[in-house]
N, C-alpha and C. Protein backbone atom coordinates (compact mmCIF):
# COMPACT_ATOMS: atom_id res chain seq x y z
N UNK A 1 -24.60 -24.87 -29.06
CA UNK A 1 -23.41 -24.62 -28.91
C UNK A 1 -22.79 -23.53 -29.46
N UNK A 2 -22.85 -22.88 -30.74
CA UNK A 2 -21.99 -21.98 -31.22
C UNK A 2 -22.61 -20.78 -30.53
N UNK A 3 -23.32 -20.55 -30.15
CA UNK A 3 -24.17 -19.44 -29.57
C UNK A 3 -23.36 -19.54 -28.20
N UNK A 4 -23.57 -20.16 -27.09
CA UNK A 4 -22.70 -20.26 -25.94
C UNK A 4 -21.34 -20.12 -26.57
N UNK A 5 -20.24 -20.12 -27.59
CA UNK A 5 -19.46 -20.43 -27.92
C UNK A 5 -19.22 -18.37 -27.82
N UNK A 6 -19.76 -18.42 -28.77
CA UNK A 6 -19.56 -16.81 -28.95
C UNK A 6 -20.18 -15.81 -27.97
N UNK A 7 -21.17 -16.35 -27.07
CA UNK A 7 -21.13 -15.29 -25.84
C UNK A 7 -19.83 -15.63 -25.12
N UNK A 8 -19.40 -16.49 -25.28
CA UNK A 8 -18.28 -16.75 -24.13
C UNK A 8 -16.87 -15.76 -24.92
N UNK A 9 -17.15 -16.12 -25.86
CA UNK A 9 -15.83 -14.92 -26.67
C UNK A 9 -16.35 -13.36 -26.55
N UNK A 10 -17.65 -13.37 -26.43
CA UNK A 10 -18.00 -11.75 -26.23
C UNK A 10 -17.60 -10.94 -24.76
N UNK A 11 -18.15 -11.92 -23.96
CA UNK A 11 -18.03 -11.30 -22.89
C UNK A 11 -16.37 -11.72 -22.30
N UNK A 12 -15.56 -12.52 -22.14
CA UNK A 12 -14.26 -12.87 -21.87
C UNK A 12 -13.53 -11.08 -22.01
N UNK A 13 -13.42 -11.49 -22.75
CA UNK A 13 -12.04 -9.31 -22.90
C UNK A 13 -12.67 -8.49 -21.38
N UNK A 14 -14.04 -8.55 -21.79
CA UNK A 14 -14.87 -7.47 -20.41
C UNK A 14 -14.50 -8.15 -19.53
N UNK A 15 -14.59 -8.95 -19.22
CA UNK A 15 -14.38 -9.81 -17.67
C UNK A 15 -12.70 -9.38 -17.24
N UNK A 16 -12.06 -9.61 -18.16
CA UNK A 16 -10.63 -9.61 -18.24
C UNK A 16 -9.94 -8.27 -18.09
N UNK A 17 -10.96 -7.03 -18.72
CA UNK A 17 -10.54 -5.72 -18.73
C UNK A 17 -11.42 -4.95 -17.25
N UNK A 18 -12.52 -5.54 -16.46
CA UNK A 18 -12.87 -5.29 -15.19
C UNK A 18 -11.88 -5.18 -14.49
N UNK A 19 -11.45 -6.32 -14.29
CA UNK A 19 -10.42 -7.40 -13.18
C UNK A 19 -8.92 -6.20 -13.63
N UNK A 20 -8.37 -6.39 -14.57
CA UNK A 20 -7.30 -5.19 -14.73
C UNK A 20 -7.20 -3.80 -13.93
N UNK A 21 -8.26 -3.03 -14.69
CA UNK A 21 -8.64 -1.63 -14.13
C UNK A 21 -9.18 -2.24 -12.54
N UNK A 22 -9.45 -2.95 -11.82
CA UNK A 22 -9.46 -2.74 -10.47
C UNK A 22 -7.68 -3.22 -10.38
N UNK A 23 -6.93 -3.74 -10.85
CA UNK A 23 -5.25 -3.94 -10.12
C UNK A 23 -4.50 -2.71 -10.76
N UNK A 24 -5.25 -2.03 -11.26
CA UNK A 24 -4.27 -1.18 -11.82
C UNK A 24 -5.14 0.14 -10.65
N UNK A 25 -6.06 -0.10 -9.88
CA UNK A 25 -6.29 1.44 -9.30
C UNK A 25 -5.69 0.80 -8.04
N UNK A 26 -5.21 -0.02 -7.32
CA UNK A 26 -4.33 -0.17 -5.75
C UNK A 26 -2.94 0.30 -6.44
N UNK A 27 -2.68 0.99 -6.21
CA UNK A 27 -1.18 1.37 -5.65
C UNK A 27 -0.64 0.64 -4.56
N UNK A 28 0.71 0.19 -4.35
CA UNK A 28 1.28 -0.05 -3.64
C UNK A 28 1.83 1.39 -2.97
N UNK A 29 2.31 1.12 -1.44
CA UNK A 29 2.67 1.92 -0.52
C UNK A 29 3.62 2.76 -1.73
N UNK A 30 4.59 1.65 -2.02
CA UNK A 30 6.27 2.24 -2.96
C UNK A 30 5.69 2.93 -4.37
N UNK A 31 4.55 2.69 -4.46
CA UNK A 31 4.23 3.44 -6.27
C UNK A 31 3.75 4.85 -5.70
N UNK A 32 2.88 4.66 -4.50
CA UNK A 32 2.45 6.47 -3.82
C UNK A 32 3.57 7.24 -3.58
N UNK A 33 4.53 6.28 -3.20
CA UNK A 33 5.34 7.47 -2.94
C UNK A 33 6.36 7.70 -3.91
N UNK A 34 5.68 7.20 -4.86
CA UNK A 34 6.60 7.29 -5.93
C UNK A 34 6.08 8.72 -6.51
N UNK A 35 4.68 8.49 -7.32
CA UNK A 35 3.86 9.68 -7.41
C UNK A 35 3.98 10.73 -6.77
N UNK A 36 3.91 10.63 -5.29
CA UNK A 36 4.08 12.34 -4.32
C UNK A 36 5.73 12.82 -4.74
N UNK A 37 6.39 11.87 -4.58
CA UNK A 37 8.09 12.79 -4.87
C UNK A 37 8.12 13.38 -6.35
N UNK A 38 7.33 12.59 -7.63
CA UNK A 38 7.63 13.28 -9.03
C UNK A 38 6.43 14.62 -8.82
N UNK A 39 5.78 14.49 -7.66
CA UNK A 39 5.25 15.79 -7.95
C UNK A 39 5.96 16.93 -6.99
N UNK A 40 6.67 16.62 -6.63
CA UNK A 40 7.59 17.77 -5.58
C UNK A 40 8.74 17.62 -6.53
N UNK A 41 9.04 16.97 -7.41
CA UNK A 41 10.32 16.74 -7.66
C UNK A 41 10.25 18.28 -8.81
N UNK A 42 8.74 18.38 -9.19
CA UNK A 42 8.44 19.21 -9.80
C UNK A 42 9.18 19.76 -11.28
N UNK A 43 9.94 21.06 -11.26
CA UNK A 43 11.33 21.30 -13.07
C UNK A 43 12.10 21.18 -12.34
N UNK A 44 12.59 19.85 -11.86
CA UNK A 44 14.31 19.61 -11.37
C UNK A 44 14.57 19.00 -12.70
N UNK A 45 15.56 19.27 -13.32
CA UNK A 45 16.29 17.49 -14.13
C UNK A 45 17.81 17.35 -13.86
N UNK A 46 18.00 16.30 -14.50
CA UNK A 46 18.99 15.77 -14.66
C UNK A 46 19.81 15.20 -13.09
N UNK A 47 21.01 15.82 -12.31
CA UNK A 47 21.96 15.55 -11.61
C UNK A 47 20.46 15.75 -10.01
N UNK A 48 20.07 17.38 -10.26
CA UNK A 48 19.37 17.47 -9.44
C UNK A 48 18.68 16.72 -8.90
N UNK A 49 17.34 16.45 -10.14
CA UNK A 49 16.76 15.35 -10.18
C UNK A 49 16.63 13.80 -9.27
N UNK A 50 17.99 13.39 -9.71
CA UNK A 50 17.88 12.07 -9.72
C UNK A 50 18.01 12.53 -7.91
N UNK A 51 19.30 13.39 -7.38
CA UNK A 51 19.60 13.30 -6.26
C UNK A 51 18.30 14.03 -5.40
N UNK A 52 17.20 14.52 -5.83
CA UNK A 52 16.22 14.57 -5.11
C UNK A 52 14.85 13.45 -4.67
N UNK A 53 15.16 12.84 -6.03
CA UNK A 53 14.00 11.20 -5.90
C UNK A 53 14.70 10.59 -5.04
N UNK A 54 16.21 10.56 -5.17
CA UNK A 54 16.85 9.19 -3.80
C UNK A 54 16.34 9.47 -2.77
N UNK A 55 17.02 10.84 -2.59
CA UNK A 55 16.75 11.10 -1.05
C UNK A 55 14.57 11.20 -0.40
N UNK A 56 14.23 11.90 -1.58
CA UNK A 56 13.02 11.80 -1.17
C UNK A 56 12.27 10.17 -0.62
N UNK A 57 12.38 9.39 -1.97
CA UNK A 57 11.74 7.95 -2.13
C UNK A 57 12.22 7.24 -0.82
N UNK A 58 14.11 7.40 -0.25
CA UNK A 58 14.47 6.55 1.00
C UNK A 58 13.76 7.43 2.18
N UNK A 59 13.21 8.90 2.14
CA UNK A 59 13.23 8.94 3.70
C UNK A 59 11.31 8.61 3.68
N UNK A 60 11.24 8.81 5.09
CA UNK A 60 9.98 8.20 5.92
C UNK A 60 9.08 9.11 5.80
N UNK A 61 8.33 8.57 5.98
CA UNK A 61 6.64 9.37 5.44
C UNK A 61 6.85 10.66 6.68
N UNK A 62 6.70 11.54 6.75
CA UNK A 62 5.99 12.64 8.01
C UNK A 62 4.43 11.84 8.33
N UNK A 63 3.59 11.38 7.65
CA UNK A 63 2.26 11.33 8.42
C UNK A 63 2.04 10.53 9.51
N UNK A 64 3.20 9.62 9.56
CA UNK A 64 3.09 8.75 10.56
C UNK A 64 2.28 7.70 10.27
N UNK A 65 1.39 6.94 9.76
CA UNK A 65 0.30 6.20 9.11
C UNK A 65 1.60 5.08 9.36
N UNK A 66 2.90 5.00 8.63
CA UNK A 66 3.69 3.91 8.63
C UNK A 66 3.97 3.85 9.94
N UNK A 67 4.42 4.66 10.79
CA UNK A 67 5.56 4.29 12.33
C UNK A 67 4.33 3.83 12.92
N UNK A 68 2.95 4.35 12.67
CA UNK A 68 1.45 3.40 13.17
C UNK A 68 1.32 2.03 12.94
N UNK A 69 1.71 1.51 11.79
CA UNK A 69 1.44 0.04 11.35
C UNK A 69 2.48 -0.76 11.87
N UNK A 70 3.90 0.13 12.17
CA UNK A 70 4.93 -0.83 12.64
C UNK A 70 4.78 -1.04 14.38
N UNK A 71 4.17 -0.04 14.87
CA UNK A 71 3.55 -0.75 16.24
C UNK A 71 3.00 -0.90 16.24
N UNK A 72 1.28 -1.42 15.11
CA UNK A 72 0.63 -2.66 15.93
C UNK A 72 1.34 -3.61 15.22
N UNK A 73 2.23 -4.12 14.09
CA UNK A 73 2.79 -5.22 13.81
C UNK A 73 3.46 -5.68 14.68
N UNK A 74 4.14 -4.69 15.84
CA UNK A 74 5.09 -5.30 16.28
C UNK A 74 4.07 -5.60 17.86
N UNK A 75 3.12 -4.68 18.16
CA UNK A 75 2.37 -5.46 19.27
C UNK A 75 1.34 -6.36 18.79
N UNK A 76 1.14 -6.82 17.86
CA UNK A 76 0.48 -8.06 17.76
C UNK A 76 1.54 -9.10 17.71
N UNK A 77 2.56 -8.97 17.23
CA UNK A 77 3.77 -10.26 17.37
C UNK A 77 3.73 -10.61 18.78
N UNK A 78 3.88 -9.26 19.55
CA UNK A 78 4.26 -9.51 20.90
C UNK A 78 3.02 -10.22 21.89
N UNK A 79 1.83 -9.75 21.48
CA UNK A 79 0.72 -10.41 21.93
C UNK A 79 0.43 -11.47 21.89
N UNK A 80 1.17 -12.62 21.03
CA UNK A 80 1.31 -13.90 20.55
C UNK A 80 -0.43 -14.37 21.06
N UNK A 81 -0.21 -15.11 21.56
CA UNK A 81 -1.77 -16.51 21.68
C UNK A 81 -3.02 -15.37 23.40
N UNK A 82 -2.23 -14.53 23.09
CA UNK A 82 -3.81 -13.98 23.78
C UNK A 82 -4.79 -13.50 23.16
N UNK A 83 -5.84 -13.73 24.18
CA UNK A 83 -7.07 -13.65 23.58
C UNK A 83 -8.10 -13.09 23.98
N UNK A 84 -9.46 -12.38 23.53
CA UNK A 84 -10.29 -11.80 24.08
C UNK A 84 -10.10 -10.37 25.09
N UNK A 85 -10.01 -10.40 26.41
CA UNK A 85 -10.00 -9.09 26.86
C UNK A 85 -8.67 -8.82 27.33
N UNK A 86 -7.72 -9.71 27.85
CA UNK A 86 -6.33 -9.81 27.96
C UNK A 86 -5.74 -9.05 26.12
N UNK A 87 -5.89 -9.77 25.46
CA UNK A 87 -5.32 -9.07 24.80
C UNK A 87 -6.07 -7.63 23.79
N UNK A 88 -7.17 -7.40 24.34
CA UNK A 88 -7.70 -5.76 24.28
C UNK A 88 -6.58 -5.56 24.86
N UNK A 89 -6.52 -5.53 26.42
CA UNK A 89 -5.95 -5.26 27.60
C UNK A 89 -4.55 -4.82 27.47
N UNK A 90 -3.89 -5.77 26.44
CA UNK A 90 -2.17 -5.83 26.30
C UNK A 90 -2.17 -5.01 24.80
N UNK A 91 -2.77 -4.54 23.81
CA UNK A 91 -2.43 -3.95 22.61
C UNK A 91 -2.74 -2.74 23.04
N UNK A 92 -3.79 -2.05 24.01
CA UNK A 92 -4.13 -0.78 24.14
C UNK A 92 -2.49 -0.45 24.90
N UNK A 93 -2.28 -1.23 26.25
CA UNK A 93 -1.34 -0.43 26.40
C UNK A 93 0.18 -0.83 25.24
N UNK A 94 0.54 -1.57 24.92
CA UNK A 94 1.17 -1.83 23.99
C UNK A 94 1.09 -0.73 22.98
N UNK A 95 0.56 -0.10 22.23
CA UNK A 95 -0.03 0.86 21.22
C UNK A 95 0.55 2.30 21.96
N UNK A 96 -0.18 2.26 23.49
CA UNK A 96 0.26 3.69 23.94
C UNK A 96 1.59 3.74 24.16
N UNK A 97 1.84 2.97 24.71
CA UNK A 97 3.96 2.94 25.18
C UNK A 97 4.80 3.17 23.61
N UNK A 98 4.09 2.55 23.34
CA UNK A 98 5.08 1.92 22.03
C UNK A 98 5.63 4.00 20.97
């Protein structure tokens, strides 16, 4: 019994550390945007930096990924209960026109 308790006591921190490392690696979209804006802010300081960060963080991404994700959400919602080929055809048409 003592060996089991010692084994658990030694391995529990390692398991928790591995889980924490995985969680720390996944950034949210906002965190990713913050990282990008911080890099772009460069040597700006004070009010100039605040104004830049406010503008940068509120701006829509230029790369279009978010726009595509929004299209997908809207089309999925509009597709409703369609299934199979009917859904596939609807999604194709919806994504092309939006």
